[in-house]
Amino acid sequence: MNILAIECTHAALSVAVKKDGAVTELKSADWWKAAEALVPLIAEVMAQSNLRNQELDCITVSSGPGSFTSLRIGMSVAKGMAYGLGIPLIPVPTMPAMASSYPGGAGMVMAVIQARKGEYYYAAYIPEELSSGVWHDEVLRGSAPEVAVAAQGCAVVGRQLDELVPLLAGCGAAEYAEADFFSAGALFPAAERLCKTADVAGLDNVVPDYRQMFIPNTGRE
């Protein structure tokens, strides 16, 4: 199975190709320029993997939550390619994918993504969920103190959570890990499982998981 994966939901940009079991992955520091950087990055990873677009069986994209703008960019590019090639697009929820990619230990893992200044999305997953790839869909939203209290006993994974990190130790979190390990390649296990039953006709129903709306001239709600 040949799969293209895209992850640009928040604070990082990466694409990966899995061709006959071999993975080729590229990362970019130009997350803030995802609109300009994503398509060339995809072209480069396809070239490095010696794979033509027409040889893809499906495309998978990290579906959020995350940055409103980056979610739109990633989903638009993925959807456009899937439509053009006539292949399924597999949306993979960002938070359980991030939690399942955590390399340390086998305990409960909480994924945290900043929603806006002072607010965070967070969700905790038990080891059995992470190993099975069948995850719950409950994503909570709260302040840094609320997240820290909820994180007791969990390994917390996230990116650039400077406000939150000092609170975690005081509330009994097992540890905090900067999620450099989470990238497009982490989407492959879920994509391979879901691609078997995916239907190209379902493309219209694939949308970003914003979790909040963007209000012009005021920012997010």
N, C-alpha and C. Protein backbone atom coordinates (compact mmCIF):
# COMPACT_ATOMS: atom_id res chain seq x y z
N MET A 1 0.84 -1.20 0.00
CA MET A 1 0.00 0.00 0.00
C MET A 1 0.88 1.25 0.00
N ASN A 2 0.58 2.20 -0.86
CA ASN A 2 1.34 3.44 -0.98
C ASN A 2 0.50 4.59 -0.42
N ILE A 3 1.03 5.29 0.57
CA ILE A 3 0.27 6.33 1.27
C ILE A 3 1.11 7.59 1.39
N LEU A 4 0.47 8.74 1.15
CA LEU A 4 1.06 10.05 1.42
C LEU A 4 0.43 10.60 2.68
N ALA A 5 1.26 11.07 3.63
CA ALA A 5 0.77 11.62 4.89
C ALA A 5 1.20 13.08 5.02
N ILE A 6 0.29 13.91 5.57
CA ILE A 6 0.53 15.34 5.74
C ILE A 6 0.20 15.73 7.18
N GLU A 7 1.13 16.41 7.85
CA GLU A 7 0.89 16.90 9.22
C GLU A 7 1.38 18.33 9.32
N CYS A 8 0.46 19.28 9.48
CA CYS A 8 0.86 20.69 9.65
C CYS A 8 -0.11 21.42 10.57
N THR A 9 -0.67 20.70 11.53
CA THR A 9 -1.73 21.27 12.35
C THR A 9 -1.26 22.39 13.28
N HIS A 10 -0.05 22.26 13.83
CA HIS A 10 0.40 23.26 14.79
C HIS A 10 1.91 23.18 15.01
N ALA A 11 2.56 24.30 14.76
CA ALA A 11 3.97 24.51 15.13
C ALA A 11 4.98 23.60 14.44
N ALA A 12 4.57 22.82 13.44
CA ALA A 12 5.51 21.98 12.70
C ALA A 12 4.88 21.58 11.38
N LEU A 13 5.73 21.26 10.41
CA LEU A 13 5.27 20.87 9.09
C LEU A 13 6.07 19.65 8.64
N SER A 14 5.36 18.59 8.26
CA SER A 14 6.05 17.39 7.78
C SER A 14 5.16 16.64 6.81
N VAL A 15 5.81 15.92 5.90
CA VAL A 15 5.10 15.04 4.97
C VAL A 15 5.88 13.74 4.90
N ALA A 16 5.17 12.66 4.61
CA ALA A 16 5.83 11.36 4.56
C ALA A 16 5.14 10.48 3.52
N VAL A 17 5.89 9.58 2.96
CA VAL A 17 5.37 8.59 2.02
C VAL A 17 5.73 7.21 2.54
N LYS A 18 4.76 6.31 2.52
CA LYS A 18 5.03 4.91 2.81
C LYS A 18 4.81 4.13 1.53
N LYS A 19 5.87 3.56 1.00
CA LYS A 19 5.83 2.83 -0.26
C LYS A 19 6.30 1.40 -0.02
N ASP A 20 5.38 0.46 -0.15
CA ASP A 20 5.72 -0.95 0.04
C ASP A 20 6.43 -1.18 1.38
N GLY A 21 5.97 -0.47 2.41
CA GLY A 21 6.52 -0.65 3.76
C GLY A 21 7.68 0.25 4.11
N ALA A 22 8.29 0.90 3.12
CA ALA A 22 9.43 1.79 3.38
C ALA A 22 8.93 3.23 3.52
N VAL A 23 9.43 3.94 4.54
CA VAL A 23 8.96 5.29 4.83
C VAL A 23 10.02 6.31 4.46
N THR A 24 9.60 7.34 3.72
CA THR A 24 10.43 8.51 3.42
C THR A 24 9.72 9.72 4.01
N GLU A 25 10.42 10.49 4.82
CA GLU A 25 9.77 11.62 5.50
C GLU A 25 10.64 12.87 5.41
N LEU A 26 9.98 14.00 5.22
CA LEU A 26 10.67 15.29 5.21
C LEU A 26 9.96 16.24 6.15
N LYS A 27 10.76 17.07 6.82
CA LYS A 27 10.22 18.08 7.73
C LYS A 27 10.69 19.46 7.29
N SER A 28 9.90 20.47 7.63
CA SER A 28 10.25 21.85 7.28
C SER A 28 10.09 22.75 8.48
N ALA A 29 10.98 23.72 8.57
CA ALA A 29 10.87 24.72 9.64
C ALA A 29 9.92 25.84 9.27
N ASP A 30 9.38 25.81 8.05
CA ASP A 30 8.54 26.90 7.55
C ASP A 30 7.06 26.67 7.81
N TRP A 31 6.72 26.29 9.06
CA TRP A 31 5.31 26.05 9.38
C TRP A 31 4.47 27.29 9.14
N TRP A 32 5.00 28.45 9.48
CA TRP A 32 4.23 29.69 9.31
C TRP A 32 4.03 30.02 7.83
N LYS A 33 4.79 29.34 6.96
CA LYS A 33 4.64 29.55 5.52
C LYS A 33 4.12 28.28 4.86
N ALA A 34 3.24 27.57 5.55
CA ALA A 34 2.74 26.28 5.05
C ALA A 34 2.09 26.41 3.68
N ALA A 35 1.43 27.54 3.41
CA ALA A 35 0.77 27.72 2.12
C ALA A 35 1.77 27.66 0.98
N GLU A 36 2.98 28.19 1.21
CA GLU A 36 4.01 28.17 0.18
C GLU A 36 4.87 26.92 0.23
N ALA A 37 5.05 26.36 1.43
CA ALA A 37 6.03 25.28 1.60
C ALA A 37 5.46 23.89 1.41
N LEU A 38 4.16 23.70 1.62
CA LEU A 38 3.62 22.34 1.66
C LEU A 38 3.69 21.62 0.32
N VAL A 39 3.23 22.24 -0.74
CA VAL A 39 3.21 21.55 -2.05
C VAL A 39 4.62 21.20 -2.52
N PRO A 40 5.60 22.12 -2.45
CA PRO A 40 6.97 21.72 -2.83
C PRO A 40 7.52 20.60 -1.97
N LEU A 41 7.16 20.58 -0.68
CA LEU A 41 7.64 19.52 0.20
C LEU A 41 7.06 18.16 -0.21
N ILE A 42 5.78 18.17 -0.60
CA ILE A 42 5.16 16.94 -1.07
C ILE A 42 5.84 16.45 -2.35
N ALA A 43 6.10 17.37 -3.28
CA ALA A 43 6.76 17.01 -4.53
C ALA A 43 8.13 16.39 -4.25
N GLU A 44 8.84 16.96 -3.28
CA GLU A 44 10.18 16.46 -2.96
C GLU A 44 10.13 15.07 -2.34
N VAL A 45 9.20 14.85 -1.40
CA VAL A 45 9.14 13.53 -0.76
C VAL A 45 8.68 12.46 -1.74
N MET A 46 7.80 12.82 -2.66
CA MET A 46 7.38 11.86 -3.69
C MET A 46 8.57 11.51 -4.59
N ALA A 47 9.36 12.51 -4.95
CA ALA A 47 10.53 12.27 -5.79
C ALA A 47 11.56 11.39 -5.08
N GLN A 48 11.79 11.68 -3.79
CA GLN A 48 12.77 10.90 -3.04
C GLN A 48 12.34 9.45 -2.85
N SER A 49 11.04 9.23 -2.81
CA SER A 49 10.54 7.87 -2.63
C SER A 49 10.34 7.15 -3.97
N ASN A 50 10.65 7.84 -5.07
CA ASN A 50 10.50 7.25 -6.41
C ASN A 50 9.08 6.76 -6.65
N LEU A 51 8.13 7.61 -6.28
CA LEU A 51 6.72 7.26 -6.40
C LEU A 51 5.99 8.34 -7.19
N ARG A 52 5.20 7.92 -8.16
CA ARG A 52 4.38 8.86 -8.90
C ARG A 52 3.05 9.06 -8.17
N ASN A 53 2.46 10.24 -8.32
CA ASN A 53 1.18 10.51 -7.68
C ASN A 53 0.15 9.43 -8.00
N GLN A 54 0.15 8.97 -9.24
CA GLN A 54 -0.84 7.99 -9.69
C GLN A 54 -0.67 6.62 -9.03
N GLU A 55 0.46 6.43 -8.34
CA GLU A 55 0.69 5.15 -7.66
C GLU A 55 0.21 5.16 -6.22
N LEU A 56 -0.29 6.30 -5.74
CA LEU A 56 -0.80 6.39 -4.37
C LEU A 56 -2.12 5.64 -4.25
N ASP A 57 -2.27 4.92 -3.13
CA ASP A 57 -3.54 4.24 -2.84
C ASP A 57 -4.47 5.12 -2.03
N CYS A 58 -3.90 5.99 -1.19
CA CYS A 58 -4.71 6.92 -0.41
C CYS A 58 -3.81 8.02 0.14
N ILE A 59 -4.44 9.04 0.65
CA ILE A 59 -3.75 10.16 1.30
C ILE A 59 -4.32 10.27 2.72
N THR A 60 -3.46 10.58 3.66
CA THR A 60 -3.93 10.79 5.03
C THR A 60 -3.45 12.15 5.52
N VAL A 61 -4.26 12.79 6.33
CA VAL A 61 -3.94 14.12 6.84
C VAL A 61 -4.30 14.22 8.30
N SER A 62 -3.47 14.89 9.06
CA SER A 62 -3.77 15.16 10.47
C SER A 62 -4.89 16.20 10.51
N SER A 63 -6.03 15.84 11.10
CA SER A 63 -7.26 16.62 10.91
C SER A 63 -7.57 17.62 12.01
N GLY A 64 -6.74 17.69 13.06
CA GLY A 64 -6.97 18.68 14.08
C GLY A 64 -7.43 18.06 15.39
N PRO A 65 -7.59 18.94 16.39
CA PRO A 65 -7.55 20.40 16.34
C PRO A 65 -6.13 20.94 16.16
N GLY A 66 -6.08 22.26 15.92
CA GLY A 66 -4.81 22.93 15.71
C GLY A 66 -5.04 24.33 15.19
N SER A 67 -4.05 24.86 14.50
CA SER A 67 -4.14 26.20 13.93
C SER A 67 -5.24 26.25 12.86
N PHE A 68 -6.13 27.22 12.96
CA PHE A 68 -7.23 27.34 12.01
C PHE A 68 -6.69 27.42 10.58
N THR A 69 -5.69 28.29 10.36
CA THR A 69 -5.16 28.49 9.01
C THR A 69 -4.44 27.25 8.51
N SER A 70 -3.59 26.64 9.34
CA SER A 70 -2.83 25.48 8.91
C SER A 70 -3.72 24.28 8.65
N LEU A 71 -4.77 24.12 9.45
CA LEU A 71 -5.71 23.03 9.20
C LEU A 71 -6.35 23.18 7.82
N ARG A 72 -6.73 24.39 7.48
CA ARG A 72 -7.35 24.65 6.17
C ARG A 72 -6.36 24.36 5.04
N ILE A 73 -5.11 24.78 5.22
CA ILE A 73 -4.11 24.56 4.18
C ILE A 73 -3.85 23.07 3.98
N GLY A 74 -3.58 22.36 5.07
CA GLY A 74 -3.30 20.94 4.98
C GLY A 74 -4.45 20.16 4.38
N MET A 75 -5.66 20.46 4.84
CA MET A 75 -6.83 19.73 4.34
C MET A 75 -7.11 20.07 2.88
N SER A 76 -6.93 21.34 2.50
CA SER A 76 -7.20 21.74 1.12
C SER A 76 -6.26 21.06 0.15
N VAL A 77 -4.96 21.02 0.50
CA VAL A 77 -3.99 20.37 -0.37
C VAL A 77 -4.27 18.87 -0.47
N ALA A 78 -4.52 18.23 0.68
CA ALA A 78 -4.79 16.80 0.69
C ALA A 78 -6.06 16.46 -0.09
N LYS A 79 -7.08 17.27 0.10
CA LYS A 79 -8.36 17.01 -0.56
C LYS A 79 -8.25 17.23 -2.06
N GLY A 80 -7.54 18.28 -2.45
CA GLY A 80 -7.35 18.54 -3.87
C GLY A 80 -6.63 17.39 -4.57
N MET A 81 -5.59 16.87 -3.92
CA MET A 81 -4.86 15.75 -4.51
C MET A 81 -5.74 14.50 -4.58
N ALA A 82 -6.50 14.24 -3.51
CA ALA A 82 -7.35 13.05 -3.48
C ALA A 82 -8.42 13.12 -4.57
N TYR A 83 -9.03 14.29 -4.72
CA TYR A 83 -10.03 14.47 -5.79
C TYR A 83 -9.40 14.23 -7.16
N GLY A 84 -8.24 14.85 -7.37
CA GLY A 84 -7.60 14.76 -8.67
C GLY A 84 -7.18 13.34 -9.03
N LEU A 85 -6.78 12.57 -8.01
CA LEU A 85 -6.30 11.20 -8.25
C LEU A 85 -7.42 10.16 -8.14
N GLY A 86 -8.56 10.58 -7.58
CA GLY A 86 -9.66 9.64 -7.40
C GLY A 86 -9.38 8.58 -6.35
N ILE A 87 -8.72 8.98 -5.26
CA ILE A 87 -8.37 8.04 -4.19
C ILE A 87 -8.92 8.55 -2.86
N PRO A 88 -9.05 7.67 -1.86
CA PRO A 88 -9.60 8.08 -0.56
C PRO A 88 -8.67 9.05 0.19
N LEU A 89 -9.29 9.89 1.01
CA LEU A 89 -8.57 10.75 1.94
C LEU A 89 -8.95 10.33 3.35
N ILE A 90 -7.94 10.01 4.14
CA ILE A 90 -8.17 9.51 5.50
C ILE A 90 -7.80 10.59 6.51
N PRO A 91 -8.79 11.20 7.21
CA PRO A 91 -8.47 12.15 8.26
C PRO A 91 -8.13 11.41 9.55
N VAL A 92 -7.01 11.75 10.14
CA VAL A 92 -6.60 11.12 11.41
C VAL A 92 -6.59 12.19 12.49
N PRO A 93 -7.35 12.02 13.57
CA PRO A 93 -7.38 13.02 14.64
C PRO A 93 -5.98 13.28 15.21
N THR A 94 -5.65 14.53 15.35
CA THR A 94 -4.29 14.91 15.74
C THR A 94 -3.93 14.45 17.16
N MET A 95 -4.85 14.60 18.09
CA MET A 95 -4.48 14.36 19.49
C MET A 95 -4.17 12.89 19.80
N PRO A 96 -5.01 11.93 19.41
CA PRO A 96 -4.62 10.55 19.67
C PRO A 96 -3.42 10.10 18.84
N ALA A 97 -3.27 10.66 17.63
CA ALA A 97 -2.10 10.31 16.83
C ALA A 97 -0.82 10.79 17.52
N MET A 98 -0.88 11.99 18.10
CA MET A 98 0.27 12.51 18.84
C MET A 98 0.55 11.65 20.07
N ALA A 99 -0.49 11.33 20.82
CA ALA A 99 -0.31 10.54 22.03
C ALA A 99 0.24 9.15 21.71
N SER A 100 -0.25 8.53 20.64
CA SER A 100 0.19 7.18 20.30
C SER A 100 1.62 7.14 19.79
N SER A 101 2.14 8.29 19.35
CA SER A 101 3.52 8.32 18.85
C SER A 101 4.54 8.55 19.97
N TYR A 102 4.05 8.81 21.19
CA TYR A 102 4.94 9.04 22.33
C TYR A 102 5.78 7.79 22.60
N PRO A 103 7.11 7.92 22.61
CA PRO A 103 7.97 6.73 22.70
C PRO A 103 8.27 6.27 24.12
N GLY A 104 7.86 7.01 25.14
CA GLY A 104 8.30 6.68 26.49
C GLY A 104 7.25 6.01 27.35
N GLY A 105 7.51 4.78 27.78
CA GLY A 105 6.65 4.12 28.75
C GLY A 105 5.35 3.61 28.18
N ALA A 106 4.54 3.02 29.06
CA ALA A 106 3.28 2.40 28.63
C ALA A 106 2.11 2.85 29.47
N GLY A 107 2.23 4.01 30.14
CA GLY A 107 1.15 4.50 30.97
C GLY A 107 0.21 5.40 30.21
N MET A 108 -0.65 6.10 30.95
CA MET A 108 -1.61 7.01 30.33
C MET A 108 -0.88 8.21 29.75
N VAL A 109 -1.30 8.63 28.56
CA VAL A 109 -0.66 9.75 27.87
C VAL A 109 -1.72 10.81 27.58
N MET A 110 -1.39 12.06 27.89
CA MET A 110 -2.28 13.18 27.59
C MET A 110 -1.65 14.05 26.50
N ALA A 111 -2.38 14.28 25.43
CA ALA A 111 -1.95 15.20 24.38
C ALA A 111 -2.55 16.57 24.65
N VAL A 112 -1.74 17.61 24.45
CA VAL A 112 -2.19 18.98 24.70
C VAL A 112 -1.79 19.86 23.51
N ILE A 113 -2.75 20.63 23.01
CA ILE A 113 -2.52 21.56 21.92
C ILE A 113 -3.09 22.92 22.32
N GLN A 114 -2.32 23.97 22.12
CA GLN A 114 -2.82 25.30 22.48
C GLN A 114 -3.99 25.68 21.57
N ALA A 115 -5.08 26.15 22.19
CA ALA A 115 -6.25 26.61 21.44
C ALA A 115 -6.11 28.09 21.12
N ARG A 116 -5.76 28.86 22.10
CA ARG A 116 -5.45 30.28 21.98
C ARG A 116 -4.69 30.64 23.24
N LYS A 117 -4.27 31.87 23.39
CA LYS A 117 -3.45 32.24 24.54
C LYS A 117 -4.21 31.94 25.83
N GLY A 118 -3.60 31.11 26.67
CA GLY A 118 -4.20 30.79 27.96
C GLY A 118 -5.19 29.64 27.94
N GLU A 119 -5.50 29.09 26.76
CA GLU A 119 -6.44 27.98 26.66
C GLU A 119 -5.85 26.84 25.84
N TYR A 120 -6.26 25.62 26.20
CA TYR A 120 -5.66 24.44 25.60
C TYR A 120 -6.73 23.38 25.32
N TYR A 121 -6.51 22.62 24.26
CA TYR A 121 -7.24 21.38 24.05
C TYR A 121 -6.44 20.28 24.75
N TYR A 122 -7.12 19.33 25.36
CA TYR A 122 -6.40 18.23 25.98
C TYR A 122 -7.27 16.98 26.01
N ALA A 123 -6.60 15.83 25.93
CA ALA A 123 -7.28 14.55 25.95
C ALA A 123 -6.30 13.49 26.42
N ALA A 124 -6.76 12.61 27.31
CA ALA A 124 -5.91 11.56 27.86
C ALA A 124 -6.34 10.21 27.30
N TYR A 125 -5.35 9.35 27.06
CA TYR A 125 -5.60 8.05 26.44
C TYR A 125 -4.91 6.96 27.25
N ILE A 126 -5.62 5.85 27.44
CA ILE A 126 -5.04 4.73 28.16
C ILE A 126 -4.21 3.87 27.21
N PRO A 127 -3.28 3.08 27.75
CA PRO A 127 -2.39 2.30 26.87
C PRO A 127 -3.13 1.40 25.89
N GLU A 128 -4.25 0.80 26.34
CA GLU A 128 -4.97 -0.11 25.45
C GLU A 128 -5.52 0.61 24.23
N GLU A 129 -5.97 1.86 24.41
CA GLU A 129 -6.46 2.64 23.27
C GLU A 129 -5.32 2.94 22.30
N LEU A 130 -4.20 3.36 22.85
CA LEU A 130 -3.08 3.77 21.99
C LEU A 130 -2.53 2.60 21.20
N SER A 131 -2.50 1.41 21.79
CA SER A 131 -1.96 0.26 21.09
C SER A 131 -2.94 -0.30 20.06
N SER A 132 -4.25 -0.12 20.30
CA SER A 132 -5.25 -0.65 19.38
C SER A 132 -5.52 0.28 18.21
N GLY A 133 -5.26 1.59 18.39
CA GLY A 133 -5.56 2.55 17.35
C GLY A 133 -7.03 2.92 17.27
N VAL A 134 -7.82 2.44 18.22
CA VAL A 134 -9.25 2.79 18.29
C VAL A 134 -9.43 3.73 19.47
N TRP A 135 -9.57 5.03 19.18
CA TRP A 135 -9.49 6.05 20.20
C TRP A 135 -10.84 6.68 20.49
N HIS A 136 -10.99 7.20 21.71
CA HIS A 136 -12.19 7.98 22.03
C HIS A 136 -12.08 9.36 21.37
N ASP A 137 -13.19 10.06 21.30
CA ASP A 137 -13.24 11.34 20.60
C ASP A 137 -13.47 12.51 21.55
N GLU A 138 -13.23 12.30 22.84
CA GLU A 138 -13.50 13.35 23.81
C GLU A 138 -12.28 14.28 23.93
N VAL A 139 -12.43 15.49 23.47
CA VAL A 139 -11.38 16.50 23.58
C VAL A 139 -11.92 17.64 24.44
N LEU A 140 -11.22 17.93 25.52
CA LEU A 140 -11.64 18.98 26.44
C LEU A 140 -10.87 20.26 26.15
N ARG A 141 -11.36 21.35 26.72
CA ARG A 141 -10.73 22.66 26.51
C ARG A 141 -10.72 23.39 27.84
N GLY A 142 -9.55 23.90 28.23
CA GLY A 142 -9.48 24.57 29.52
C GLY A 142 -8.23 25.41 29.67
N SER A 143 -8.12 26.04 30.83
CA SER A 143 -6.98 26.89 31.14
C SER A 143 -5.78 26.04 31.53
N ALA A 144 -4.62 26.67 31.64
CA ALA A 144 -3.41 25.95 32.03
C ALA A 144 -3.58 25.25 33.38
N PRO A 145 -4.11 25.92 34.43
CA PRO A 145 -4.32 25.22 35.70
C PRO A 145 -5.27 24.04 35.58
N GLU A 146 -6.31 24.17 34.78
CA GLU A 146 -7.26 23.06 34.60
C GLU A 146 -6.58 21.87 33.92
N VAL A 147 -5.77 22.15 32.92
CA VAL A 147 -5.06 21.07 32.24
C VAL A 147 -4.09 20.39 33.19
N ALA A 148 -3.37 21.19 33.98
CA ALA A 148 -2.38 20.64 34.90
C ALA A 148 -3.03 19.70 35.92
N VAL A 149 -4.18 20.07 36.43
CA VAL A 149 -4.89 19.22 37.39
C VAL A 149 -5.34 17.92 36.72
N ALA A 150 -5.85 18.02 35.50
CA ALA A 150 -6.33 16.84 34.78
C ALA A 150 -5.19 15.91 34.40
N ALA A 151 -3.97 16.44 34.37
CA ALA A 151 -2.82 15.66 33.89
C ALA A 151 -2.18 14.80 34.98
N GLN A 152 -2.74 14.76 36.18
CA GLN A 152 -2.14 13.97 37.25
C GLN A 152 -1.96 12.51 36.82
N GLY A 153 -0.75 12.01 36.97
CA GLY A 153 -0.44 10.63 36.64
C GLY A 153 -0.21 10.37 35.17
N CYS A 154 -0.31 11.41 34.34
CA CYS A 154 -0.15 11.23 32.89
C CYS A 154 1.22 11.71 32.42
N ALA A 155 1.70 11.09 31.36
CA ALA A 155 2.78 11.69 30.59
C ALA A 155 2.12 12.67 29.64
N VAL A 156 2.56 13.93 29.64
CA VAL A 156 1.95 14.97 28.83
C VAL A 156 2.84 15.25 27.63
N VAL A 157 2.23 15.28 26.44
CA VAL A 157 2.99 15.57 25.22
C VAL A 157 2.36 16.77 24.52
N GLY A 158 3.21 17.63 23.99
CA GLY A 158 2.72 18.82 23.30
C GLY A 158 3.88 19.60 22.72
N ARG A 159 3.55 20.74 22.13
CA ARG A 159 4.58 21.59 21.51
C ARG A 159 4.49 23.00 22.06
N GLN A 160 5.62 23.51 22.51
CA GLN A 160 5.76 24.91 22.90
C GLN A 160 4.72 25.34 23.94
N LEU A 161 4.61 24.54 24.99
CA LEU A 161 3.62 24.80 26.04
C LEU A 161 4.30 25.47 27.25
N ASP A 162 4.96 26.60 26.99
CA ASP A 162 5.80 27.23 28.01
C ASP A 162 5.03 27.61 29.27
N GLU A 163 3.81 28.08 29.11
CA GLU A 163 3.01 28.48 30.28
C GLU A 163 2.60 27.27 31.11
N LEU A 164 2.36 26.16 30.45
CA LEU A 164 1.81 24.99 31.11
C LEU A 164 2.86 24.15 31.84
N VAL A 165 4.04 24.03 31.26
CA VAL A 165 5.06 23.10 31.76
C VAL A 165 5.37 23.30 33.25
N PRO A 166 5.58 24.53 33.76
CA PRO A 166 5.89 24.68 35.18
C PRO A 166 4.78 24.20 36.11
N LEU A 167 3.55 24.19 35.63
CA LEU A 167 2.43 23.78 36.48
C LEU A 167 2.31 22.27 36.59
N LEU A 168 2.81 21.56 35.60
CA LEU A 168 2.58 20.12 35.54
C LEU A 168 3.24 19.38 36.70
N ALA A 169 4.50 19.70 36.98
CA ALA A 169 5.20 18.99 38.05
C ALA A 169 4.51 19.20 39.39
N GLY A 170 4.02 20.40 39.62
CA GLY A 170 3.35 20.70 40.88
C GLY A 170 2.03 19.98 41.04
N CYS A 171 1.44 19.57 39.93
CA CYS A 171 0.14 18.88 39.99
C CYS A 171 0.27 17.37 39.84
N GLY A 172 1.48 16.88 39.75
CA GLY A 172 1.66 15.43 39.76
C GLY A 172 1.65 14.75 38.41
N ALA A 173 1.92 15.49 37.35
CA ALA A 173 2.06 14.85 36.05
C ALA A 173 3.31 14.00 36.04
N ALA A 174 3.27 12.88 35.33
CA ALA A 174 4.42 11.98 35.32
C ALA A 174 5.62 12.64 34.67
N GLU A 175 5.40 13.33 33.54
CA GLU A 175 6.47 14.05 32.87
C GLU A 175 5.85 14.85 31.73
N TYR A 176 6.66 15.77 31.20
CA TYR A 176 6.26 16.49 30.00
C TYR A 176 7.28 16.20 28.92
N ALA A 177 6.80 15.90 27.71
CA ALA A 177 7.70 15.62 26.59
C ALA A 177 7.34 16.53 25.43
N GLU A 178 8.32 17.30 24.95
CA GLU A 178 8.12 18.11 23.76
C GLU A 178 7.92 17.16 22.57
N ALA A 179 6.85 17.37 21.83
CA ALA A 179 6.41 16.37 20.85
C ALA A 179 7.15 16.46 19.51
N ASP A 180 8.49 16.51 19.57
CA ASP A 180 9.28 16.48 18.34
C ASP A 180 9.13 15.14 17.62
N PHE A 181 8.73 14.12 18.35
CA PHE A 181 8.57 12.78 17.77
C PHE A 181 7.29 12.66 16.94
N PHE A 182 6.39 13.63 17.05
CA PHE A 182 5.13 13.54 16.31
C PHE A 182 5.28 14.23 14.97
N SER A 183 5.05 13.46 13.91
CA SER A 183 5.19 13.98 12.55
C SER A 183 4.26 13.19 11.64
N ALA A 184 4.33 13.47 10.36
CA ALA A 184 3.41 12.84 9.41
C ALA A 184 3.48 11.32 9.45
N GLY A 185 4.66 10.78 9.70
CA GLY A 185 4.81 9.33 9.73
C GLY A 185 3.96 8.65 10.79
N ALA A 186 3.59 9.40 11.83
CA ALA A 186 2.77 8.83 12.90
C ALA A 186 1.34 8.55 12.46
N LEU A 187 0.94 9.06 11.29
CA LEU A 187 -0.42 8.86 10.81
C LEU A 187 -0.59 7.52 10.09
N PHE A 188 0.48 6.87 9.72
CA PHE A 188 0.39 5.67 8.89
C PHE A 188 -0.40 4.51 9.53
N PRO A 189 -0.17 4.18 10.82
CA PRO A 189 -0.92 3.03 11.37
C PRO A 189 -2.43 3.19 11.25
N ALA A 190 -2.94 4.37 11.62
CA ALA A 190 -4.39 4.59 11.52
C ALA A 190 -4.84 4.62 10.07
N ALA A 191 -4.03 5.25 9.21
CA ALA A 191 -4.41 5.35 7.80
C ALA A 191 -4.49 3.98 7.15
N GLU A 192 -3.55 3.10 7.46
CA GLU A 192 -3.57 1.76 6.88
C GLU A 192 -4.81 0.99 7.32
N ARG A 193 -5.18 1.15 8.58
CA ARG A 193 -6.37 0.45 9.08
C ARG A 193 -7.64 0.99 8.44
N LEU A 194 -7.73 2.32 8.32
CA LEU A 194 -8.96 2.94 7.84
C LEU A 194 -9.09 2.92 6.32
N CYS A 195 -7.97 2.87 5.63
CA CYS A 195 -7.99 2.92 4.17
C CYS A 195 -8.71 1.71 3.58
N LYS A 196 -8.71 0.61 4.31
CA LYS A 196 -9.32 -0.62 3.81
C LYS A 196 -10.82 -0.46 3.59
N THR A 197 -11.45 0.42 4.36
CA THR A 197 -12.90 0.60 4.24
C THR A 197 -13.28 1.99 3.72
N ALA A 198 -12.27 2.79 3.37
CA ALA A 198 -12.55 4.16 2.91
C ALA A 198 -13.16 4.16 1.52
N ASP A 199 -13.99 5.17 1.25
CA ASP A 199 -14.67 5.29 -0.02
C ASP A 199 -14.38 6.66 -0.61
N VAL A 200 -13.99 6.70 -1.86
CA VAL A 200 -13.72 7.98 -2.52
C VAL A 200 -14.95 8.87 -2.48
N ALA A 201 -16.13 8.27 -2.48
CA ALA A 201 -17.36 9.06 -2.45
C ALA A 201 -17.51 9.85 -1.15
N GLY A 202 -16.74 9.47 -0.12
CA GLY A 202 -16.83 10.17 1.16
C GLY A 202 -15.97 11.41 1.26
N LEU A 203 -15.30 11.80 0.18
CA LEU A 203 -14.40 12.95 0.22
C LEU A 203 -15.11 14.23 0.66
N ASP A 204 -16.34 14.41 0.22
CA ASP A 204 -17.08 15.63 0.56
C ASP A 204 -17.28 15.78 2.06
N ASN A 205 -17.26 14.67 2.78
CA ASN A 205 -17.52 14.70 4.22
C ASN A 205 -16.27 14.86 5.06
N VAL A 206 -15.10 14.91 4.42
CA VAL A 206 -13.85 15.06 5.17
C VAL A 206 -13.59 16.55 5.39
N VAL A 207 -13.60 16.96 6.65
CA VAL A 207 -13.41 18.37 7.00
C VAL A 207 -12.45 18.49 8.18
N PRO A 208 -11.80 19.64 8.33
CA PRO A 208 -10.92 19.84 9.49
C PRO A 208 -11.71 19.86 10.79
N ASP A 209 -11.07 19.41 11.85
CA ASP A 209 -11.68 19.43 13.18
C ASP A 209 -11.23 20.70 13.89
N TYR A 210 -11.92 21.81 13.59
CA TYR A 210 -11.50 23.10 14.13
C TYR A 210 -11.70 23.21 15.64
N ARG A 211 -12.80 22.70 16.14
CA ARG A 211 -13.18 22.80 17.56
C ARG A 211 -13.52 24.21 18.00
N GLN A 212 -13.25 25.20 17.17
CA GLN A 212 -13.65 26.57 17.45
C GLN A 212 -13.70 27.32 16.13
N MET A 213 -14.44 28.39 16.11
CA MET A 213 -14.61 29.14 14.87
C MET A 213 -13.72 30.37 14.85
N PHE A 214 -13.33 30.77 13.65
CA PHE A 214 -12.53 31.97 13.46
C PHE A 214 -13.46 33.13 13.13
N ILE A 215 -13.34 34.22 13.89
CA ILE A 215 -14.19 35.39 13.68
C ILE A 215 -13.32 36.49 13.08
N PRO A 216 -13.58 36.90 11.84
CA PRO A 216 -12.75 37.92 11.19
C PRO A 216 -12.59 39.17 12.05
N ASN A 217 -11.36 39.70 12.07
CA ASN A 217 -11.01 40.95 12.77
C ASN A 217 -11.03 40.83 14.29
N THR A 218 -11.40 39.67 14.81
CA THR A 218 -11.40 39.53 16.27
C THR A 218 -10.58 38.33 16.71
N GLY A 219 -10.29 37.39 15.79
CA GLY A 219 -9.59 36.19 16.18
C GLY A 219 -10.56 35.08 16.51
N ARG A 220 -10.09 34.10 17.22
CA ARG A 220 -10.92 32.93 17.52
C ARG A 220 -11.83 33.23 18.69
N GLU A 221 -12.94 32.50 18.71
CA GLU A 221 -13.90 32.71 19.79
C GLU A 221 -13.39 32.13 21.09
